[in-house]
Each structure stands twice: as structure tokens, then as C-alpha cells.
N, C-alpha and C. Protein backbone atom coordinates (compact mmCIF):
# COMPACT_ATOMS: atom_id res chain seq x y z
N MET A 1 159.41 38.31 86.41
CA MET A 1 160.08 38.70 86.97
C MET A 1 160.26 39.52 87.98
N LYS A 2 161.01 39.39 88.99
CA LYS A 2 160.87 40.28 90.12
C LYS A 2 161.90 41.32 90.30
N SER A 3 161.06 42.47 90.09
CA SER A 3 162.18 43.83 90.20
C SER A 3 161.74 45.01 91.52
N PRO A 4 162.76 45.46 91.79
CA PRO A 4 162.47 46.44 92.88
C PRO A 4 161.58 47.81 92.32
N LEU A 5 160.52 48.29 93.37
CA LEU A 5 159.84 49.08 92.70
C LEU A 5 160.62 50.27 92.69
N SER A 6 161.84 50.63 93.45
CA SER A 6 162.73 52.03 93.81
C SER A 6 163.89 51.60 94.47
N ILE A 7 164.97 52.22 93.86
CA ILE A 7 165.92 52.16 94.50
C ILE A 7 166.82 53.56 94.77
N GLU A 8 167.11 53.58 96.05
CA GLU A 8 167.78 54.76 96.52
C GLU A 8 169.42 54.54 96.68
N PHE A 9 170.10 55.49 96.29
CA PHE A 9 171.68 55.00 96.72
C PHE A 9 172.49 56.29 97.12
N ASN A 10 173.22 55.96 97.70
CA ASN A 10 174.28 57.02 98.24
C ASN A 10 175.73 55.83 97.93
N ALA A 11 176.69 57.03 98.03
CA ALA A 11 178.23 56.10 97.76
C ALA A 11 178.32 55.09 98.52
N ASP A 12 177.59 54.96 99.73
CA ASP A 12 178.14 53.93 100.88
C ASP A 12 177.07 52.74 100.89
N ALA A 13 175.87 52.60 100.38
CA ALA A 13 175.04 51.44 100.26
C ALA A 13 173.83 51.93 99.16
N LEU A 14 172.98 50.87 98.97
CA LEU A 14 171.83 51.14 98.03
C LEU A 14 170.78 50.37 98.67
N THR A 15 169.51 51.04 98.80
CA THR A 15 168.28 50.79 99.30
C THR A 15 167.47 50.16 98.53
N LEU A 16 166.93 48.82 98.01
CA LEU A 16 166.08 48.64 97.34
C LEU A 16 164.80 48.02 97.78
N HIS A 17 163.66 48.93 97.44
CA HIS A 17 162.60 48.59 97.99
C HIS A 17 161.42 47.62 97.32
N TRP A 18 161.12 46.76 97.64
CA TRP A 18 160.66 45.37 96.94
C TRP A 18 159.11 45.28 97.09
N ASN A 19 158.29 45.32 96.10
CA ASN A 19 156.77 44.94 96.55
C ASN A 19 156.30 44.25 97.67
N GLY A 20 155.59 44.51 98.86
CA GLY A 20 155.09 43.72 99.90
C GLY A 20 156.30 43.19 100.45
N GLU A 21 157.78 43.53 100.85
CA GLU A 21 159.06 43.19 101.59
C GLU A 21 159.33 44.28 102.18
N PRO A 22 160.23 44.10 102.89
CA PRO A 22 161.21 44.95 104.03
C PRO A 22 162.23 45.65 102.70
N ALA A 23 162.42 46.87 102.94
CA ALA A 23 163.34 47.36 102.23
C ALA A 23 164.74 46.53 102.63
N GLN A 24 165.54 46.45 101.64
CA GLN A 24 166.74 45.57 101.69
C GLN A 24 168.30 46.63 101.32
N GLN A 25 168.75 46.53 102.36
CA GLN A 25 169.89 47.37 101.97
C GLN A 25 171.40 47.00 102.04
N ILE A 26 172.21 47.23 100.90
CA ILE A 26 173.59 46.24 100.92
C ILE A 26 174.39 47.34 100.57
N SER A 27 175.82 47.14 101.52
CA SER A 27 176.61 48.03 101.26
C SER A 27 177.36 48.32 99.78
N ALA A 28 177.89 49.00 99.54
CA ALA A 28 178.84 49.00 98.77
C ALA A 28 179.60 47.95 98.46
N HIS A 29 180.61 48.05 99.62
CA HIS A 29 181.74 47.29 99.91
C HIS A 29 180.78 45.65 99.53
N ALA A 30 179.81 45.31 100.16
CA ALA A 30 179.09 43.89 100.25
C ALA A 30 178.97 43.80 98.60
N LEU A 31 178.49 44.50 97.87
CA LEU A 31 178.16 44.57 96.49
C LEU A 31 179.20 44.16 95.64
N ARG A 32 180.55 45.20 95.84
CA ARG A 32 181.93 45.07 95.33
C ARG A 32 181.99 43.53 95.57
N MET A 33 182.19 43.19 96.82
CA MET A 33 182.98 41.90 96.89
C MET A 33 182.33 40.66 96.14
N GLN A 34 180.98 41.07 96.03
CA GLN A 34 179.72 39.73 95.39
C GLN A 34 179.59 39.85 93.95
N CYS A 35 180.58 40.76 93.42
CA CYS A 35 179.90 41.34 91.78
C CYS A 35 180.31 39.84 91.02
N PRO A 36 179.13 40.05 90.13
CA PRO A 36 178.83 38.71 89.34
C PRO A 36 179.60 38.68 88.01
N CYS A 37 180.21 39.41 87.82
CA CYS A 37 181.50 39.42 86.80
C CYS A 37 182.17 38.09 86.66
N ALA A 38 182.28 37.64 85.34
CA ALA A 38 183.54 36.28 84.97
C ALA A 38 184.61 36.34 85.95
N GLU A 39 185.49 37.73 85.84
CA GLU A 39 186.76 37.57 86.66
C GLU A 39 186.34 37.61 88.22
N CYS A 40 185.18 38.23 88.49
CA CYS A 40 185.09 38.04 90.14
C CYS A 40 184.89 36.81 90.57
N ARG A 41 184.16 35.93 89.45
CA ARG A 41 183.30 34.77 89.82
C ARG A 41 184.47 33.62 89.80
N ARG A 42 185.54 34.24 88.81
CA ARG A 42 186.74 33.15 88.90
C ARG A 42 187.59 33.27 89.91
N LEU A 43 187.84 34.61 90.46
CA LEU A 43 188.42 34.39 91.92
C LEU A 43 187.86 33.85 92.72
N ARG A 44 186.50 33.75 92.80
CA ARG A 44 185.83 33.28 94.24
C ARG A 44 185.83 32.02 93.88
N LEU A 45 185.73 31.24 92.89
CA LEU A 45 185.96 29.77 92.64
C LEU A 45 187.05 29.33 93.11
N ARG A 46 188.52 30.08 92.79
CA ARG A 46 189.52 29.65 93.04
C ARG A 46 189.76 29.77 94.50
N GLY A 47 188.93 30.23 95.16
CA GLY A 47 188.90 30.47 96.72
C GLY A 47 189.71 31.66 97.23
N ALA A 48 189.84 32.66 96.04
CA ALA A 48 190.37 34.23 96.53
C ALA A 48 189.37 34.88 96.92
N THR A 49 189.40 36.10 96.73
CA THR A 49 188.32 36.77 97.02
C THR A 49 188.64 38.35 96.20
N PRO A 50 188.32 38.92 95.61
CA PRO A 50 188.59 40.56 95.14
C PRO A 50 189.42 41.27 95.72
N VAL A 51 190.10 41.77 95.57
CA VAL A 51 190.49 43.09 96.78
C VAL A 51 189.99 44.48 96.38
N VAL A 52 189.16 44.54 97.42
CA VAL A 52 188.17 45.75 97.51
C VAL A 52 188.59 46.63 98.76
N PRO A 53 188.51 47.86 98.59
CA PRO A 53 188.79 49.03 99.42
C PRO A 53 187.63 49.28 100.28
N ARG A 54 187.79 49.35 101.60
CA ARG A 54 186.75 49.46 102.63
C ARG A 54 186.03 50.76 101.98
N ASP A 55 186.82 51.72 101.77
CA ASP A 55 186.00 52.85 101.41
C ASP A 55 185.30 52.94 99.85
N ILE A 56 185.16 51.57 99.31
CA ILE A 56 184.46 51.61 97.91
C ILE A 56 183.15 52.12 97.78
N ALA A 57 182.60 53.10 96.90
CA ALA A 57 181.67 53.57 96.66
C ALA A 57 181.02 53.12 95.31
N VAL A 58 179.85 53.26 95.29
CA VAL A 58 178.80 53.35 94.02
C VAL A 58 178.94 54.32 93.49
N LEU A 59 178.94 54.72 92.27
CA LEU A 59 179.02 56.03 91.73
C LEU A 59 177.85 56.23 90.62
N GLU A 60 177.47 55.09 90.14
CA GLU A 60 176.66 55.05 89.03
C GLU A 60 175.46 53.78 89.19
N ILE A 61 174.42 53.93 88.95
CA ILE A 61 173.51 52.56 88.77
C ILE A 61 173.39 52.44 87.19
N ARG A 62 173.36 51.52 86.22
CA ARG A 62 173.09 51.62 84.84
C ARG A 62 171.70 50.73 85.05
N SER A 63 170.49 50.65 84.02
CA SER A 63 169.60 50.05 83.86
C SER A 63 170.15 48.84 82.93
N ALA A 64 169.80 47.63 83.52
CA ALA A 64 170.04 46.47 82.32
C ALA A 64 168.77 45.67 82.14
N GLY A 65 167.77 46.75 82.25
CA GLY A 65 166.47 45.58 82.25
C GLY A 65 166.29 44.45 83.20
N TYR A 66 167.00 43.43 83.18
CA TYR A 66 166.75 42.25 84.12
C TYR A 66 167.34 42.60 85.28
N GLY A 67 168.26 43.44 85.25
CA GLY A 67 169.27 43.87 86.65
C GLY A 67 169.68 45.11 86.39
N MET A 68 170.94 45.42 87.09
CA MET A 68 171.50 46.44 86.99
C MET A 68 173.08 46.39 86.94
N GLN A 69 173.73 47.28 86.39
CA GLN A 69 175.11 47.43 86.21
C GLN A 69 175.70 48.46 87.07
N LEU A 70 176.59 48.25 88.06
CA LEU A 70 176.97 49.19 88.76
C LEU A 70 178.43 49.59 88.44
N VAL A 71 178.66 51.11 88.59
CA VAL A 71 179.79 51.45 88.59
C VAL A 71 180.49 51.53 89.69
N PHE A 72 181.96 51.25 90.33
CA PHE A 72 182.38 51.50 91.35
C PHE A 72 183.37 52.54 91.34
N SER A 73 183.75 52.94 92.40
CA SER A 73 184.79 54.05 92.52
C SER A 73 186.40 53.43 92.17
N ASP A 74 186.21 51.99 92.21
CA ASP A 74 187.45 51.71 91.74
C ASP A 74 187.60 51.34 90.23
N ASN A 75 187.00 51.92 89.55
CA ASN A 75 186.47 51.82 88.22
C ASN A 75 185.76 50.55 87.73
N HIS A 76 185.77 49.50 88.43
CA HIS A 76 185.07 48.40 88.34
C HIS A 76 183.47 48.52 87.89
N ALA A 77 183.46 48.04 86.77
CA ALA A 77 181.49 48.45 85.79
C ALA A 77 181.64 46.98 85.29
N ARG A 78 181.93 45.78 85.37
CA ARG A 78 182.11 44.67 84.33
C ARG A 78 181.03 44.17 84.76
N GLY A 79 180.44 43.75 86.10
CA GLY A 79 179.23 42.76 86.63
C GLY A 79 177.77 43.46 86.17
N ILE A 80 177.05 42.74 85.83
CA ILE A 80 175.53 42.93 85.87
C ILE A 80 174.74 42.12 86.68
N PHE A 81 174.19 42.69 87.70
CA PHE A 81 173.56 42.12 89.01
C PHE A 81 172.13 41.97 88.57
N PRO A 82 171.67 40.75 88.13
CA PRO A 82 170.32 40.20 88.04
C PRO A 82 169.48 40.60 89.32
N TRP A 83 168.44 41.44 89.00
CA TRP A 83 167.25 41.41 90.40
C TRP A 83 167.36 40.00 91.23
N ALA A 84 167.26 38.76 90.67
CA ALA A 84 167.45 37.74 91.63
C ALA A 84 168.56 37.66 92.31
N TYR A 85 169.53 37.82 91.24
CA TYR A 85 170.91 37.63 92.27
C TYR A 85 170.81 38.53 93.40
N VAL A 86 170.47 39.74 93.50
CA VAL A 86 170.39 41.07 94.32
C VAL A 86 169.79 40.63 95.23
N ALA A 87 168.27 40.08 95.21
CA ALA A 87 167.27 39.59 95.98
C ALA A 87 168.13 38.41 96.63
N ALA A 88 168.87 37.54 96.20
CA ALA A 88 169.04 36.49 97.06
C ALA A 88 170.49 36.88 98.04
N LEU A 89 171.10 38.00 97.69
CA LEU A 89 172.05 38.74 98.74
C LEU A 89 171.59 39.30 100.34
N SER A 90 170.15 39.10 100.34
CA SER A 90 170.15 39.02 101.39
C SER A 90 170.02 38.48 102.65
N GLY A 91 171.07 37.36 102.46
CA GLY A 91 171.81 36.63 103.60
C GLY A 91 173.26 37.34 103.47
N PHE A 92 173.49 37.99 102.92
CA PHE A 92 174.99 38.67 102.63
C PHE A 92 174.80 39.88 102.56
N ALA A 93 175.13 40.73 103.86
CA ALA A 93 175.03 42.25 103.98
C ALA A 93 173.86 42.73 103.78
N PHE A 94 172.94 42.26 104.65
CA PHE A 94 171.45 42.81 104.28
C PHE A 94 171.07 43.27 105.44
N SER A 95 170.06 44.41 105.47
CA SER A 95 169.56 44.69 106.61
C SER A 95 168.11 45.24 106.45
N SER A 96 167.00 44.74 106.99
CA SER A 96 165.75 45.61 106.85
C SER A 96 165.26 46.68 107.70
N ARG A 97 164.76 47.61 106.64
CA ARG A 97 164.16 48.92 107.68
C ARG A 97 162.70 48.99 107.60
């Protein structure tokens, strides 16, 4: 299972360091918009999008073994982001440093 070597985070973004790959930086807003929880997926499947404030922040990262659970400043903490899902977000709000 591919998992990051380390994760740096501040309120605005996460930076994931993968073995042998460029660092992946994803904004808190992009992560919240792509939350994989059932409620957010249902919205996206219906063609809607979650209502997310532009100034959304990541408050906490909780280990979930195969991924991470993020706690956002809008009190949303339902989604578990599997590492493969996070790595695939490279086409969505990704920058390498």
C-alpha cells in the first residue's frame, strides 16, 4: 500500500511527501470539495457540489491506517481519505514543489 513518508499541514493546505515522487500540495478547500464521505459523494453524483467556504481550514488529521480522516473548520469530519484517493487528486488542485 502506497502511503506518504510524511505530511505537513497548516490551515490552508496539506503537503504530502511520497517516496521518490515530488511533494504533493492540496489546498484545504480542494480536499473538502472532494471529500469521499457518502453525503458528499451523493451530492456530486446528483450533479451538485458541497457548499464549502473559501476560507475552510484543516484543523486536525487523524490516522485511519489506509488513509486519513480530516477535521475541517466547518465541523465536517465524516470522510476517510484513502492514500490511493489522495494520490489520485494530483489532477485536482495539485502542485509539486
